[in-house]
Protein backbone atom coordinates (compact mmCIF):
# COMPACT_ATOMS: atom_id res chain seq x y z
CA MET A 1 31.77 -220.32 -22.58
CA GLN A 2 29.74 -220.51 -19.36
CA LYS A 3 28.53 -223.99 -20.35
CA GLN A 4 32.14 -225.12 -20.77
CA PHE A 5 33.02 -223.67 -17.36
CA PHE A 6 30.07 -225.43 -15.76
CA LEU A 7 31.08 -228.73 -17.36
CA PHE A 8 34.64 -228.24 -16.14
CA LEU A 9 33.35 -227.42 -12.65
CA LEU A 10 31.11 -230.49 -12.67
CA ALA A 11 33.98 -232.70 -13.84
CA ALA A 12 36.25 -231.31 -11.11
CA VAL A 13 33.65 -231.98 -8.42
CA LEU A 14 32.92 -235.48 -9.68
CA SER A 15 36.59 -236.39 -9.98
CA THR A 16 37.37 -235.09 -6.47
CA ALA A 17 34.39 -236.97 -5.07
CA ALA A 18 35.47 -240.15 -6.81
CA PHE A 19 38.89 -240.03 -5.15
CA GLY A 20 37.53 -239.13 -1.71
CA GLN A 21 38.88 -235.60 -1.79
CA ARG A 22 37.07 -232.90 0.11
CA PHE A 23 35.45 -229.75 -1.21
CA ALA A 24 33.80 -226.73 0.37
CA TYR A 25 32.71 -223.23 -0.45
CA VAL A 26 32.95 -219.73 0.94
CA ASP A 27 30.88 -216.62 0.37
CA THR A 28 33.32 -213.75 -0.13
CA GLU A 29 30.48 -211.20 -0.10
CA TYR A 30 29.51 -212.37 3.37
CA ILE A 31 33.15 -212.37 4.48
CA LEU A 32 33.75 -208.83 3.18
CA ASP A 33 30.53 -207.61 4.80
CA ASN A 34 31.92 -208.76 8.15
CA ILE A 35 35.31 -207.05 7.88
CA PRO A 36 35.22 -203.49 9.29
CA GLU A 37 38.35 -202.46 7.35
CA TYR A 38 36.61 -203.38 4.11
CA GLN A 39 33.54 -201.34 5.05
CA ALA A 40 35.79 -198.36 5.86
CA ALA A 41 37.64 -198.77 2.55
CA GLU A 42 34.34 -198.89 0.65
CA ARG A 43 33.14 -195.72 2.41
CA GLU A 44 36.40 -193.93 1.58
CA ILE A 45 36.17 -195.00 -2.06
CA GLU A 46 32.52 -193.87 -2.22
CA GLU A 47 33.39 -190.47 -0.70
CA LEU A 48 36.24 -189.97 -3.18
CA SER A 49 33.98 -191.00 -6.04
CA ILE A 50 31.32 -188.49 -5.01
CA GLU A 51 33.92 -185.73 -4.55
CA TRP A 52 35.48 -186.38 -7.95
CA GLN A 53 32.10 -186.70 -9.67
CA THR A 54 31.02 -183.36 -8.19
CA GLU A 55 34.25 -181.75 -9.39
CA ILE A 56 33.65 -183.03 -12.93
CA GLU A 57 29.98 -182.06 -12.92
CA ASN A 58 30.97 -178.54 -11.85
CA MET A 59 33.41 -178.34 -14.76
CA PHE A 60 30.71 -179.42 -17.22
CA ALA A 61 28.24 -176.95 -15.67
CA GLU A 62 30.80 -174.17 -16.21
CA ILE A 63 31.22 -175.30 -19.82
CA ASP A 64 27.44 -175.23 -20.33
CA ARG A 65 27.29 -171.74 -18.81
CA LEU A 66 30.08 -170.53 -21.11
CA TYR A 67 28.41 -172.09 -24.15
CA THR A 68 25.03 -170.55 -23.33
CA GLN A 69 26.69 -167.17 -22.84
CA TYR A 70 28.58 -167.60 -26.11
CA GLN A 71 25.39 -168.46 -28.01
CA ALA A 72 23.69 -165.34 -26.67
CA GLU A 73 26.62 -163.09 -27.57
CA ALA A 74 27.76 -164.78 -30.82
CA PRO A 75 25.72 -162.65 -33.27
CA LEU A 76 27.35 -159.51 -31.87
CA LEU A 77 30.95 -160.78 -31.70
CA PRO A 78 33.62 -160.33 -34.36
CA ASP A 79 34.88 -163.56 -35.97
CA ASP A 80 38.24 -163.61 -34.17
CA ILE A 81 36.56 -163.28 -30.73
CA LYS A 82 34.04 -165.99 -31.70
CA ARG A 83 36.88 -168.34 -32.64
CA GLN A 84 38.70 -167.53 -29.40
CA ARG A 85 35.60 -168.26 -27.29
CA GLU A 86 34.89 -171.49 -29.20
CA GLU A 87 38.47 -172.67 -28.65
CA GLU A 88 38.22 -171.78 -24.95
CA ILE A 89 35.02 -173.83 -24.58
CA ILE A 90 36.49 -176.74 -26.54
CA GLU A 91 39.66 -176.68 -24.41
CA LYS A 92 37.66 -176.65 -21.17
CA GLU A 93 35.54 -179.55 -22.42
CA ARG A 94 38.66 -181.51 -23.38
CA ALA A 95 40.18 -180.87 -19.94
CA ALA A 96 36.97 -182.01 -18.22
CA LYS A 97 36.86 -185.22 -20.28
CA GLU A 98 40.54 -185.87 -19.55
CA LEU A 99 39.95 -185.41 -15.85
CA GLN A 100 36.95 -187.74 -16.04
CA MET A 101 39.13 -190.43 -17.67
CA GLN A 102 41.93 -189.80 -15.17
CA ARG A 103 39.55 -190.24 -12.24
CA PHE A 104 37.17 -192.95 -13.51
CA GLY A 105 38.97 -194.61 -16.43
CA ARG A 106 40.02 -198.26 -16.56
CA GLU A 107 43.36 -197.55 -14.88
CA GLY A 108 42.22 -194.30 -13.28
CA ASP A 109 42.56 -192.87 -9.79
CA LEU A 110 39.44 -194.65 -8.51
CA PHE A 111 40.73 -198.01 -9.76
CA GLU A 112 44.13 -197.39 -8.15
CA LYS A 113 42.56 -196.32 -4.86
CA ARG A 114 40.38 -199.43 -4.83
CA GLN A 115 43.46 -201.57 -5.47
CA GLU A 116 45.36 -199.79 -2.69
CA LEU A 117 42.60 -200.18 -0.10
CA VAL A 118 40.87 -203.45 -1.04
CA GLN A 119 43.67 -205.63 -2.46
CA PRO A 120 45.37 -206.20 0.94
CA ILE A 121 42.05 -207.35 2.41
CA GLN A 122 41.46 -209.70 -0.54
CA ASP A 123 44.99 -211.06 -0.08
CA GLN A 124 44.24 -211.76 3.59
CA ILE A 125 41.07 -213.60 2.63
CA TYR A 126 42.95 -215.69 0.08
CA ASP A 127 45.68 -216.51 2.61
CA ALA A 128 43.05 -217.58 5.17
CA ILE A 129 41.27 -219.75 2.60
CA GLU A 130 44.55 -221.31 1.55
CA SER A 131 45.43 -222.04 5.17
CA ILE A 132 42.03 -223.62 5.83
CA ALA A 133 42.30 -225.66 2.62
CA ASP A 134 45.72 -226.98 3.66
CA ARG A 135 44.64 -227.72 7.22
CA GLY A 136 41.35 -229.34 6.19
CA ASN A 137 42.83 -231.16 3.20
CA TYR A 138 40.29 -229.61 0.80
CA ALA A 139 40.90 -230.21 -2.88
CA VAL A 140 38.53 -227.47 -4.05
CA ILE A 141 36.98 -224.46 -2.35
CA PHE A 142 34.38 -222.59 -4.40
CA ASP A 143 33.29 -218.99 -4.00
CA LYS A 144 29.52 -218.78 -3.69
CA ALA A 145 29.65 -215.04 -4.50
CA GLY A 146 31.79 -215.60 -7.60
CA GLY A 147 30.78 -216.16 -11.19
CA ALA A 148 30.12 -219.89 -10.84
CA ALA A 149 26.44 -220.53 -10.24
CA MET A 150 25.83 -222.81 -7.30
CA ILE A 151 22.36 -224.23 -7.50
CA TYR A 152 22.46 -225.94 -4.14
CA THR A 153 24.77 -225.47 -1.17
CA ASP A 154 24.82 -227.33 2.11
CA VAL A 155 25.79 -225.07 5.02
CA ARG A 156 27.97 -227.87 6.41
CA TYR A 157 30.48 -227.08 3.66
CA ASP A 158 30.39 -223.30 4.10
CA LEU A 159 33.78 -222.17 5.43
CA SER A 160 33.03 -218.43 5.39
CA ASP A 161 32.93 -218.15 9.20
CA ASP A 162 36.15 -220.17 9.42
CA VAL A 163 37.83 -217.68 7.08
CA LEU A 164 36.65 -214.76 9.21
CA GLN A 165 37.84 -216.51 12.35
CA ARG A 166 41.22 -217.30 10.78
CA MET A 167 41.56 -213.59 9.94
CA GLY A 168 40.80 -212.64 13.54
CA TYR A 169 37.18 -211.50 13.12
CA ARG A 170 34.19 -212.77 15.01
CA ASN A 171 30.67 -212.69 13.67
C-alpha cells in the first residue's frame, strides 16, 4: 500500500514537473509548534487526560481494595452476602470500564475535546495553505510531517513560515 502511494506521489511530482507546474511543501508539526493557541489546547487536553486518568485509577484502586477486603472476609461470610459483595465489585468494575471508554474511547470525551480545540486551528492552517497555493500557483503542496516520506527537501520550497505569516503569526 505504501509502495503504491509512493509511486502515485512520484508520478504526480513528475507529471507536474513535466508541465511546468509548481510544487512545495510545509511542515505542519513546525507550524503547530509556532501557534500559541495550539500549545494552549494541547496543555488543556493533557490536563484533562491526567485528571480523567487519575479519576479512573482511583476507581480501580477502590475496586482492588474492595476485592482484597472481600477475599479476607469471604471464608466467614454467608453465601448471600458473598454474592452481594461479588456483584458490588463486578458492578463497580463495569462502571469504571465504562467511564474509561467514555473518556478515552474512539469517540470519547478526549477525542471530542481534541476535535473542539484543535480542529479550528487545523482548518486555519488548511485555509492558509490553500490561499498560498492559489496565490503562488502551486499544483501540489506536500506535508513534510505527514505520512509521505520525503527523502530530500530543499528549504526553498518550504512554505511553513509563509503559512504562519498568512495566519498572523511571526516566528
